[in-house]
Amino acid sequence: MFNEDEVEFTQSAAKHGISKVDAYWAMTHPLTVDEIDGEPGDRTIAFVGHPHAQTDRVIEVFAALKPWRTVVIFHAMDRPDLVWKRNGNDSDQ
C-alpha cells in the first residue's frame, strides 16, 4: 500500500490526540476503507480501524493520496460510537 516514510502527519491530524503511529496502524490494518470527496487531483480515503492490535478501541483516519505518491493524514480521531471486537464477529455501528 504505502511505506511509513511516504506518510505526512499534519498538525490538524494530531488535534484529537491520535499519534502518527496509531493512525498508520489503523490505515494499514483497516476494518473499513471508503473513498470520500477531497481536493481535486487527490484520492481521499477514510480508514476506520484499531490504533494497535491489543484494543477494541476504534479510530477514524482521513488521508489524501497525492499524485506524487505522498500520503497526507489530515484527520484522526477516536470513534467511541463504533465498537469492533477483534474477532471480527461483533460490531455496532
Protein backbone atom coordinates (compact mmCIF):
# COMPACT_ATOMS: atom_id res chain seq x y z
CA MET A 1 0.00 0.00 0.00
CA PHE A 2 2.43 2.70 1.22
CA ASN A 3 5.50 2.97 3.41
CA GLU A 4 5.52 4.93 6.64
CA ASP A 5 8.24 7.22 5.25
CA GLU A 6 5.77 8.28 2.49
CA VAL A 7 3.26 9.48 5.12
CA GLU A 8 2.96 13.07 6.32
CA PHE A 9 1.03 13.71 9.54
CA THR A 10 -0.41 17.20 9.74
CA GLN A 11 -0.95 19.34 12.81
CA SER A 12 -4.71 19.09 12.27
CA ALA A 13 -4.46 15.28 12.38
CA ALA A 14 -2.82 15.46 15.81
CA LYS A 15 -5.52 17.76 17.17
CA HIS A 16 -7.51 14.92 18.78
CA GLY A 17 -4.52 13.22 20.42
CA ILE A 18 -4.02 10.37 17.94
CA SER A 19 -0.35 9.70 17.15
CA LYS A 20 1.09 9.14 13.68
CA VAL A 21 1.99 5.57 14.69
CA ASP A 22 -1.60 4.80 15.76
CA ALA A 23 -3.05 6.41 12.63
CA TYR A 24 -0.63 4.47 10.42
CA TRP A 25 -1.56 1.19 12.16
CA ALA A 26 -5.28 1.84 11.56
CA MET A 27 -4.58 2.64 7.90
CA THR A 28 -2.53 -0.49 7.32
CA HIS A 29 -4.89 -2.78 9.28
CA PRO A 30 -8.28 -1.23 8.46
CA LEU A 31 -11.70 -2.54 9.40
CA THR A 32 -13.28 -0.41 6.68
CA VAL A 33 -11.98 1.77 3.86
CA ASP A 34 -14.09 4.26 1.91
CA GLU A 35 -13.22 6.81 -0.72
CA ILE A 36 -14.60 10.25 0.17
CA ASP A 37 -14.72 13.65 -1.51
CA GLY A 38 -11.50 15.62 -1.28
CA GLU A 39 -9.31 18.10 -3.11
CA PRO A 40 -9.17 17.87 -6.91
CA GLY A 41 -6.35 15.56 -8.02
CA ASP A 42 -6.18 13.76 -4.67
CA ARG A 43 -7.64 10.40 -3.81
CA THR A 44 -9.10 10.91 -0.33
CA ILE A 45 -9.69 7.85 1.81
CA ALA A 46 -11.46 7.31 5.15
CA PHE A 47 -9.99 4.46 7.18
CA VAL A 48 -11.62 3.01 10.29
CA GLY A 49 -9.51 0.71 12.41
CA HIS A 50 -7.89 -0.07 15.72
CA PRO A 51 -4.91 2.11 16.69
CA HIS A 52 -2.98 -1.04 17.65
CA ALA A 53 -3.54 -4.77 17.89
CA GLN A 54 -4.36 -5.03 21.60
CA THR A 55 -7.52 -2.92 21.77
CA ASP A 56 -11.16 -2.82 20.81
CA ARG A 57 -10.89 0.99 20.57
CA VAL A 58 -11.65 2.32 17.09
CA ILE A 59 -10.31 5.43 15.34
CA GLU A 60 -11.03 7.09 12.03
CA VAL A 61 -8.27 8.42 9.81
CA PHE A 62 -8.73 10.60 6.73
CA ALA A 63 -5.82 10.72 4.32
CA ALA A 64 -5.17 12.28 0.93
CA LEU A 65 -3.15 10.22 -1.53
CA LYS A 66 -1.32 12.87 -3.52
CA PRO A 67 -0.42 12.41 -7.20
CA TRP A 68 3.30 12.40 -6.33
CA ARG A 69 2.74 9.32 -4.06
CA THR A 70 2.83 11.12 -0.72
CA VAL A 71 0.08 10.23 1.74
CA VAL A 72 -1.10 13.13 3.89
CA ILE A 73 -3.02 12.26 7.06
CA PHE A 74 -5.12 15.34 7.81
CA HIS A 75 -7.68 13.96 10.31
CA ALA A 76 -7.53 11.31 13.04
CA MET A 77 -9.85 10.86 15.99
CA ASP A 78 -11.37 8.33 18.36
CA ARG A 79 -14.74 6.89 17.40
CA PRO A 80 -16.24 5.67 20.69
CA ASP A 81 -19.59 5.34 18.92
CA LEU A 82 -18.12 2.45 16.90
CA VAL A 83 -17.28 -0.83 18.59
CA TRP A 84 -15.49 -3.63 16.78
CA LYS A 85 -14.37 -6.76 18.54
CA ARG A 86 -11.04 -8.15 17.41
CA ASN A 87 -12.58 -11.49 16.44
CA GLY A 88 -14.47 -9.63 13.71
CA ASN A 89 -17.82 -11.14 14.67
CA ASP A 90 -19.34 -8.35 16.75
CA SER A 91 -19.89 -4.81 15.53
CA ASP A 92 -22.17 -1.95 16.45
CA GLN A 93 -22.25 0.97 14.05
